[in-house]
Amino acid sequence: MVDINALSEPQNHRCCYCGHEMIRHVHIDGISMARNAATKDHIEPRCYDGPTTLMNMVAACSLCNNLRGEIEAEAFYNLVQKWFKRDSTLRNRWHNISREEFRALKHRCTLVHARQLHGLGKRHKEFAFRHYDFAFR
């Protein structure tokens, strides 16, 4: 199992997408995870058979990890940086955004993902190709 410290230490305990400093989350029942808590994020998502290895994982804050979903890691990084350029205050208030703003950003991520799948349906084809049984009976 990959340790969160092994992931975040080379990144200087900063999120790989937004660049903010992350904190170590200690799980306590009834208390939700902080938005800047360090989480493990798969570069190649598990839904596309991404392995849980050190080479396929990065440390990301829980907000970025939740927003990213199934978007390609590089595309999500570029999207976040674009948001920071468009709204100069967003970088400073990133981990304190309202629920409505979070939903709006999540909706934008969903639209980007839909465009990726529409234009580059290659991932689903590769996934199906890897899991299709070619043994004709």
N, C-alpha and C. Protein backbone atom coordinates (compact mmCIF):
# COMPACT_ATOMS: atom_id res chain seq x y z
N MET A 1 0.84 -1.19 0.00
CA MET A 1 0.00 0.00 0.00
C MET A 1 0.88 1.24 0.00
N VAL A 2 0.50 2.23 -0.76
CA VAL A 2 1.27 3.46 -0.89
C VAL A 2 0.95 4.38 0.28
N ASP A 3 2.00 4.90 0.93
CA ASP A 3 1.85 5.77 2.08
C ASP A 3 1.70 7.22 1.61
N ILE A 4 0.80 7.97 2.24
CA ILE A 4 0.56 9.35 1.85
C ILE A 4 1.80 10.21 2.07
N ASN A 5 2.60 9.92 3.10
CA ASN A 5 3.83 10.69 3.32
C ASN A 5 4.84 10.46 2.20
N ALA A 6 4.91 9.23 1.70
CA ALA A 6 5.82 8.93 0.59
C ALA A 6 5.42 9.69 -0.67
N LEU A 7 4.13 9.98 -0.82
CA LEU A 7 3.66 10.74 -1.98
C LEU A 7 3.85 12.24 -1.81
N SER A 8 3.53 12.75 -0.64
CA SER A 8 3.53 14.21 -0.46
C SER A 8 4.91 14.80 -0.17
N GLU A 9 5.82 14.00 0.35
CA GLU A 9 7.14 14.54 0.67
C GLU A 9 7.91 15.04 -0.54
N PRO A 10 7.98 14.30 -1.65
CA PRO A 10 8.68 14.84 -2.83
C PRO A 10 8.02 16.11 -3.39
N GLN A 11 6.73 16.29 -3.12
CA GLN A 11 6.00 17.47 -3.57
C GLN A 11 6.05 18.59 -2.55
N ASN A 12 6.87 18.43 -1.51
CA ASN A 12 7.00 19.42 -0.44
C ASN A 12 5.66 19.65 0.27
N HIS A 13 4.87 18.61 0.39
CA HIS A 13 3.56 18.61 1.04
C HIS A 13 2.62 19.65 0.42
N ARG A 14 2.69 19.77 -0.90
CA ARG A 14 1.82 20.68 -1.64
C ARG A 14 1.01 19.88 -2.66
N CYS A 15 -0.20 20.34 -2.90
CA CYS A 15 -1.08 19.67 -3.86
C CYS A 15 -0.49 19.78 -5.25
N CYS A 16 -0.54 18.71 -6.00
CA CYS A 16 0.05 18.71 -7.34
C CYS A 16 -0.78 19.51 -8.34
N TYR A 17 -2.03 19.82 -8.02
CA TYR A 17 -2.90 20.55 -8.94
C TYR A 17 -2.99 22.04 -8.60
N CYS A 18 -3.29 22.37 -7.35
CA CYS A 18 -3.48 23.78 -6.99
C CYS A 18 -2.23 24.39 -6.36
N GLY A 19 -1.31 23.58 -5.86
CA GLY A 19 -0.07 24.09 -5.29
C GLY A 19 -0.17 24.54 -3.84
N HIS A 20 -1.32 24.37 -3.22
CA HIS A 20 -1.48 24.78 -1.83
C HIS A 20 -0.89 23.74 -0.89
N GLU A 21 -0.50 24.20 0.28
CA GLU A 21 0.04 23.30 1.29
C GLU A 21 -1.08 22.41 1.83
N MET A 22 -0.75 21.14 2.04
CA MET A 22 -1.74 20.18 2.52
C MET A 22 -1.46 19.83 3.98
N ILE A 23 -2.51 19.41 4.68
CA ILE A 23 -2.36 18.97 6.06
C ILE A 23 -2.60 17.48 6.15
N ARG A 24 -2.09 16.87 7.17
CA ARG A 24 -2.31 15.44 7.42
C ARG A 24 -3.65 15.30 8.12
N HIS A 25 -4.54 14.49 7.57
CA HIS A 25 -5.87 14.30 8.14
C HIS A 25 -5.88 13.10 9.09
N VAL A 26 -6.40 13.32 10.28
CA VAL A 26 -6.59 12.23 11.24
C VAL A 26 -8.08 11.96 11.30
N HIS A 27 -8.46 10.73 10.96
CA HIS A 27 -9.88 10.38 10.88
C HIS A 27 -10.50 10.31 12.28
N ILE A 28 -11.58 11.07 12.48
CA ILE A 28 -12.38 11.03 13.70
C ILE A 28 -13.82 10.94 13.25
N ASP A 29 -14.56 9.96 13.78
CA ASP A 29 -15.95 9.77 13.38
C ASP A 29 -16.75 11.04 13.61
N GLY A 30 -17.56 11.41 12.62
CA GLY A 30 -18.43 12.56 12.73
C GLY A 30 -17.80 13.86 12.26
N ILE A 31 -16.50 13.88 12.01
CA ILE A 31 -15.83 15.09 11.55
C ILE A 31 -15.41 14.88 10.10
N SER A 32 -15.86 15.79 9.24
CA SER A 32 -15.54 15.64 7.82
C SER A 32 -14.09 16.03 7.55
N MET A 33 -13.58 15.53 6.44
CA MET A 33 -12.20 15.80 6.04
C MET A 33 -12.06 17.25 5.60
N ALA A 34 -10.99 17.88 6.02
CA ALA A 34 -10.72 19.26 5.59
C ALA A 34 -10.46 19.30 4.09
N ARG A 35 -10.77 20.42 3.47
CA ARG A 35 -10.59 20.53 2.03
C ARG A 35 -9.12 20.55 1.63
N ASN A 36 -8.24 20.89 2.56
CA ASN A 36 -6.81 20.91 2.24
C ASN A 36 -6.08 19.70 2.83
N ALA A 37 -6.82 18.66 3.14
CA ALA A 37 -6.22 17.43 3.67
C ALA A 37 -5.55 16.66 2.52
N ALA A 38 -4.42 16.07 2.81
CA ALA A 38 -3.68 15.30 1.81
C ALA A 38 -4.41 14.00 1.49
N THR A 39 -4.58 13.73 0.20
CA THR A 39 -5.21 12.49 -0.24
C THR A 39 -4.36 11.88 -1.35
N LYS A 40 -4.57 10.61 -1.59
CA LYS A 40 -3.88 9.91 -2.68
C LYS A 40 -4.74 10.01 -3.93
N ASP A 41 -4.12 10.38 -5.04
CA ASP A 41 -4.85 10.51 -6.28
C ASP A 41 -4.16 9.69 -7.37
N HIS A 42 -4.93 8.91 -8.08
CA HIS A 42 -4.38 8.09 -9.17
C HIS A 42 -4.26 8.94 -10.43
N ILE A 43 -3.10 8.95 -11.05
CA ILE A 43 -2.91 9.68 -12.30
C ILE A 43 -3.76 9.01 -13.38
N GLU A 44 -3.61 7.73 -13.54
CA GLU A 44 -4.49 6.93 -14.41
C GLU A 44 -5.58 6.38 -13.49
N PRO A 45 -6.83 6.87 -13.61
CA PRO A 45 -7.88 6.48 -12.66
C PRO A 45 -8.08 4.97 -12.57
N ARG A 46 -8.50 4.53 -11.41
CA ARG A 46 -8.75 3.10 -11.18
C ARG A 46 -9.85 2.57 -12.09
N CYS A 47 -10.80 3.43 -12.45
CA CYS A 47 -11.88 2.99 -13.33
C CYS A 47 -11.37 2.64 -14.71
N TYR A 48 -10.17 3.13 -15.07
CA TYR A 48 -9.53 2.76 -16.33
C TYR A 48 -8.38 1.80 -16.08
N ASP A 49 -8.48 1.04 -15.03
CA ASP A 49 -7.47 0.05 -14.65
C ASP A 49 -6.12 0.65 -14.28
N GLY A 50 -6.13 1.85 -13.72
CA GLY A 50 -4.88 2.45 -13.25
C GLY A 50 -4.39 1.73 -12.02
N PRO A 51 -3.14 1.31 -11.99
CA PRO A 51 -2.64 0.54 -10.84
C PRO A 51 -2.43 1.43 -9.61
N THR A 52 -2.50 0.82 -8.46
CA THR A 52 -2.24 1.53 -7.21
C THR A 52 -0.77 1.33 -6.86
N THR A 53 0.07 2.02 -7.60
CA THR A 53 1.51 1.96 -7.39
C THR A 53 2.04 3.38 -7.21
N LEU A 54 3.23 3.48 -6.67
CA LEU A 54 3.84 4.78 -6.43
C LEU A 54 4.00 5.57 -7.73
N MET A 55 4.25 4.90 -8.83
CA MET A 55 4.44 5.57 -10.12
C MET A 55 3.14 6.14 -10.68
N ASN A 56 1.99 5.65 -10.25
CA ASN A 56 0.70 6.09 -10.77
C ASN A 56 -0.05 6.98 -9.78
N MET A 57 0.59 7.41 -8.71
CA MET A 57 -0.12 8.18 -7.70
C MET A 57 0.61 9.47 -7.37
N VAL A 58 -0.18 10.47 -7.00
CA VAL A 58 0.34 11.75 -6.53
C VAL A 58 -0.47 12.16 -5.31
N ALA A 59 0.05 13.12 -4.57
CA ALA A 59 -0.68 13.67 -3.42
C ALA A 59 -1.45 14.90 -3.90
N ALA A 60 -2.72 14.94 -3.56
CA ALA A 60 -3.57 16.08 -3.93
C ALA A 60 -4.44 16.43 -2.73
N CYS A 61 -4.83 17.70 -2.64
CA CYS A 61 -5.74 18.08 -1.57
C CYS A 61 -7.10 17.44 -1.85
N SER A 62 -7.90 17.27 -0.81
CA SER A 62 -9.17 16.57 -1.00
C SER A 62 -10.11 17.34 -1.92
N LEU A 63 -10.03 18.67 -1.94
CA LEU A 63 -10.87 19.46 -2.83
C LEU A 63 -10.54 19.16 -4.29
N CYS A 64 -9.26 19.19 -4.63
CA CYS A 64 -8.86 18.90 -6.02
C CYS A 64 -9.18 17.46 -6.39
N ASN A 65 -8.96 16.55 -5.47
CA ASN A 65 -9.23 15.14 -5.73
C ASN A 65 -10.72 14.92 -6.00
N ASN A 66 -11.58 15.59 -5.23
CA ASN A 66 -13.02 15.46 -5.45
C ASN A 66 -13.46 16.11 -6.74
N LEU A 67 -12.87 17.26 -7.06
CA LEU A 67 -13.25 17.94 -8.30
C LEU A 67 -12.79 17.18 -9.54
N ARG A 68 -11.62 16.59 -9.48
CA ARG A 68 -11.03 15.97 -10.66
C ARG A 68 -11.89 14.85 -11.23
N GLY A 69 -12.36 13.97 -10.40
CA GLY A 69 -13.16 12.86 -10.90
C GLY A 69 -12.35 11.98 -11.84
N GLU A 70 -12.83 11.82 -13.09
CA GLU A 70 -12.16 10.96 -14.06
C GLU A 70 -11.43 11.74 -15.14
N ILE A 71 -11.33 13.06 -14.97
CA ILE A 71 -10.61 13.86 -15.96
C ILE A 71 -9.14 13.47 -15.94
N GLU A 72 -8.49 13.54 -17.10
CA GLU A 72 -7.07 13.26 -17.16
C GLU A 72 -6.33 14.25 -16.26
N ALA A 73 -5.30 13.79 -15.59
CA ALA A 73 -4.59 14.59 -14.60
C ALA A 73 -4.03 15.88 -15.19
N GLU A 74 -3.40 15.79 -16.33
CA GLU A 74 -2.81 16.99 -16.95
C GLU A 74 -3.88 17.99 -17.36
N ALA A 75 -5.00 17.50 -17.87
CA ALA A 75 -6.10 18.38 -18.27
C ALA A 75 -6.69 19.08 -17.05
N PHE A 76 -6.81 18.35 -15.93
CA PHE A 76 -7.35 18.97 -14.72
C PHE A 76 -6.39 20.03 -14.18
N TYR A 77 -5.09 19.74 -14.19
CA TYR A 77 -4.10 20.72 -13.74
C TYR A 77 -4.22 22.00 -14.57
N ASN A 78 -4.31 21.86 -15.88
CA ASN A 78 -4.43 23.03 -16.76
C ASN A 78 -5.73 23.79 -16.50
N LEU A 79 -6.81 23.06 -16.22
CA LEU A 79 -8.09 23.68 -15.94
C LEU A 79 -8.03 24.51 -14.66
N VAL A 80 -7.44 23.97 -13.60
CA VAL A 80 -7.32 24.69 -12.34
C VAL A 80 -6.47 25.94 -12.52
N GLN A 81 -5.36 25.82 -13.24
CA GLN A 81 -4.50 26.98 -13.46
C GLN A 81 -5.23 28.05 -14.28
N LYS A 82 -6.08 27.63 -15.22
CA LYS A 82 -6.87 28.58 -16.00
C LYS A 82 -7.86 29.31 -15.10
N TRP A 83 -8.50 28.57 -14.17
CA TRP A 83 -9.43 29.20 -13.24
C TRP A 83 -8.70 30.23 -12.38
N PHE A 84 -7.50 29.91 -11.93
CA PHE A 84 -6.73 30.83 -11.10
C PHE A 84 -6.35 32.10 -11.87
N LYS A 85 -6.08 31.97 -13.16
CA LYS A 85 -5.73 33.13 -13.98
C LYS A 85 -6.95 34.01 -14.23
N ARG A 86 -8.11 33.39 -14.46
CA ARG A 86 -9.32 34.15 -14.76
C ARG A 86 -9.84 34.91 -13.54
N ASP A 87 -9.77 34.28 -12.37
CA ASP A 87 -10.27 34.89 -11.13
C ASP A 87 -9.09 35.01 -10.17
N SER A 88 -8.56 36.21 -10.02
CA SER A 88 -7.35 36.40 -9.21
C SER A 88 -7.58 36.11 -7.73
N THR A 89 -8.83 36.16 -7.26
CA THR A 89 -9.09 35.89 -5.85
C THR A 89 -9.29 34.41 -5.56
N LEU A 90 -9.51 33.62 -6.60
CA LEU A 90 -9.83 32.20 -6.40
C LEU A 90 -8.68 31.43 -5.75
N ARG A 91 -7.44 31.73 -6.12
CA ARG A 91 -6.29 31.04 -5.54
C ARG A 91 -6.25 31.22 -4.02
N ASN A 92 -6.55 32.42 -3.56
CA ASN A 92 -6.49 32.70 -2.12
C ASN A 92 -7.64 32.07 -1.34
N ARG A 93 -8.78 31.94 -1.96
CA ARG A 93 -9.95 31.39 -1.26
C ARG A 93 -10.29 29.98 -1.71
N TRP A 94 -9.37 29.30 -2.37
CA TRP A 94 -9.60 27.99 -2.98
C TRP A 94 -10.21 26.99 -2.00
N HIS A 95 -9.67 26.86 -0.81
CA HIS A 95 -10.17 25.85 0.15
C HIS A 95 -11.34 26.37 0.99
N ASN A 96 -11.80 27.58 0.69
CA ASN A 96 -12.94 28.15 1.41
C ASN A 96 -14.08 28.53 0.48
N ILE A 97 -14.15 27.93 -0.70
CA ILE A 97 -15.22 28.27 -1.63
C ILE A 97 -16.56 27.75 -1.11
N SER A 98 -17.62 28.39 -1.53
CA SER A 98 -18.95 28.00 -1.08
C SER A 98 -19.39 26.72 -1.78
N ARG A 99 -20.45 26.12 -1.27
CA ARG A 99 -20.98 24.90 -1.88
C ARG A 99 -21.48 25.16 -3.29
N GLU A 100 -22.09 26.33 -3.50
CA GLU A 100 -22.61 26.66 -4.82
C GLU A 100 -21.46 26.80 -5.81
N GLU A 101 -20.37 27.44 -5.39
CA GLU A 101 -19.23 27.59 -6.28
C GLU A 101 -18.57 26.24 -6.56
N PHE A 102 -18.52 25.38 -5.52
CA PHE A 102 -17.98 24.03 -5.71
C PHE A 102 -18.80 23.28 -6.74
N ARG A 103 -20.13 23.36 -6.63
CA ARG A 103 -21.02 22.67 -7.59
C ARG A 103 -20.80 23.20 -9.01
N ALA A 104 -20.61 24.51 -9.13
CA ALA A 104 -20.39 25.10 -10.46
C ALA A 104 -19.07 24.61 -11.04
N LEU A 105 -18.02 24.53 -10.22
CA LEU A 105 -16.73 24.04 -10.70
C LEU A 105 -16.81 22.55 -11.04
N LYS A 106 -17.54 21.79 -10.23
CA LYS A 106 -17.71 20.36 -10.50
C LYS A 106 -18.45 20.17 -11.82
N HIS A 107 -19.45 21.03 -12.07
CA HIS A 107 -20.19 20.95 -13.33
C HIS A 107 -19.27 21.23 -14.51
N ARG A 108 -18.39 22.21 -14.38
CA ARG A 108 -17.42 22.50 -15.44
C ARG A 108 -16.50 21.32 -15.68
N CYS A 109 -16.08 20.65 -14.59
CA CYS A 109 -15.22 19.47 -14.72
C CYS A 109 -15.96 18.36 -15.46
N THR A 110 -17.24 18.19 -15.17
CA THR A 110 -18.05 17.18 -15.84
C THR A 110 -18.15 17.47 -17.33
N LEU A 111 -18.31 18.75 -17.67
CA LEU A 111 -18.38 19.13 -19.08
C LEU A 111 -17.06 18.87 -19.79
N VAL A 112 -15.95 19.16 -19.14
CA VAL A 112 -14.63 18.90 -19.73
C VAL A 112 -14.45 17.41 -19.95
N HIS A 113 -14.86 16.62 -18.96
CA HIS A 113 -14.74 15.17 -19.09
C HIS A 113 -15.60 14.66 -20.24
N ALA A 114 -16.80 15.19 -20.36
CA ALA A 114 -17.69 14.77 -21.45
C ALA A 114 -17.07 15.10 -22.81
N ARG A 115 -16.43 16.29 -22.91
CA ARG A 115 -15.77 16.65 -24.17
C ARG A 115 -14.60 15.73 -24.46
N GLN A 116 -13.87 15.35 -23.40
CA GLN A 116 -12.75 14.42 -23.59
C GLN A 116 -13.25 13.09 -24.11
N LEU A 117 -14.33 12.59 -23.53
CA LEU A 117 -14.87 11.30 -23.95
C LEU A 117 -15.45 11.37 -25.35
N HIS A 118 -16.09 12.49 -25.68
CA HIS A 118 -16.69 12.63 -27.00
C HIS A 118 -15.61 12.72 -28.07
N GLY A 119 -14.60 13.54 -27.81
CA GLY A 119 -13.55 13.73 -28.81
C GLY A 119 -12.53 12.62 -28.82
N LEU A 120 -12.28 12.05 -27.68
CA LEU A 120 -11.24 11.02 -27.56
C LEU A 120 -11.81 9.78 -26.89
N GLY A 121 -12.73 9.12 -27.56
CA GLY A 121 -13.32 7.91 -27.00
C GLY A 121 -12.33 6.76 -26.94
N LYS A 122 -11.09 7.07 -27.19
CA LYS A 122 -10.04 6.08 -27.25
C LYS A 122 -9.87 5.32 -25.93
N ARG A 123 -10.01 6.03 -24.80
CA ARG A 123 -9.81 5.36 -23.51
C ARG A 123 -10.80 4.24 -23.29
N HIS A 124 -12.07 4.50 -23.60
CA HIS A 124 -13.09 3.46 -23.42
C HIS A 124 -12.85 2.30 -24.37
N LYS A 125 -12.41 2.61 -25.58
CA LYS A 125 -12.12 1.54 -26.53
C LYS A 125 -10.95 0.69 -26.04
N GLU A 126 -9.91 1.36 -25.53
CA GLU A 126 -8.76 0.62 -25.00
C GLU A 126 -9.16 -0.24 -23.81
N PHE A 127 -10.00 0.33 -22.93
CA PHE A 127 -10.46 -0.40 -21.77
C PHE A 127 -11.25 -1.64 -22.20
N ALA A 128 -12.16 -1.46 -23.17
CA ALA A 128 -12.97 -2.58 -23.66
C ALA A 128 -12.07 -3.60 -24.36
N PHE A 129 -11.11 -3.12 -25.10
CA PHE A 129 -10.21 -4.01 -25.83
C PHE A 129 -9.40 -4.87 -24.86
N ARG A 130 -8.95 -4.27 -23.74
CA ARG A 130 -8.17 -5.02 -22.76
C ARG A 130 -9.00 -6.07 -22.05
N HIS A 131 -10.31 -5.86 -21.95
CA HIS A 131 -11.15 -6.75 -21.17
C HIS A 131 -12.04 -7.65 -22.02
N TYR A 132 -11.88 -7.58 -23.33
CA TYR A 132 -12.71 -8.39 -24.21
C TYR A 132 -12.05 -9.75 -24.40
N ASP A 133 -12.86 -10.77 -24.33
CA ASP A 133 -12.36 -12.12 -24.52
C ASP A 133 -12.40 -12.44 -26.01
N PHE A 134 -11.22 -12.53 -26.63
CA PHE A 134 -11.13 -12.78 -28.06
C PHE A 134 -11.15 -14.26 -28.41
N ALA A 135 -11.32 -15.11 -27.45
CA ALA A 135 -11.38 -16.55 -27.73
C ALA A 135 -12.75 -16.87 -28.33
N PHE A 136 -12.78 -17.16 -29.60
CA PHE A 136 -14.04 -17.48 -30.25
C PHE A 136 -14.41 -18.93 -29.96
N ARG A 137 -15.66 -19.16 -29.69
CA ARG A 137 -16.09 -20.50 -29.32
C ARG A 137 -16.91 -21.11 -30.39
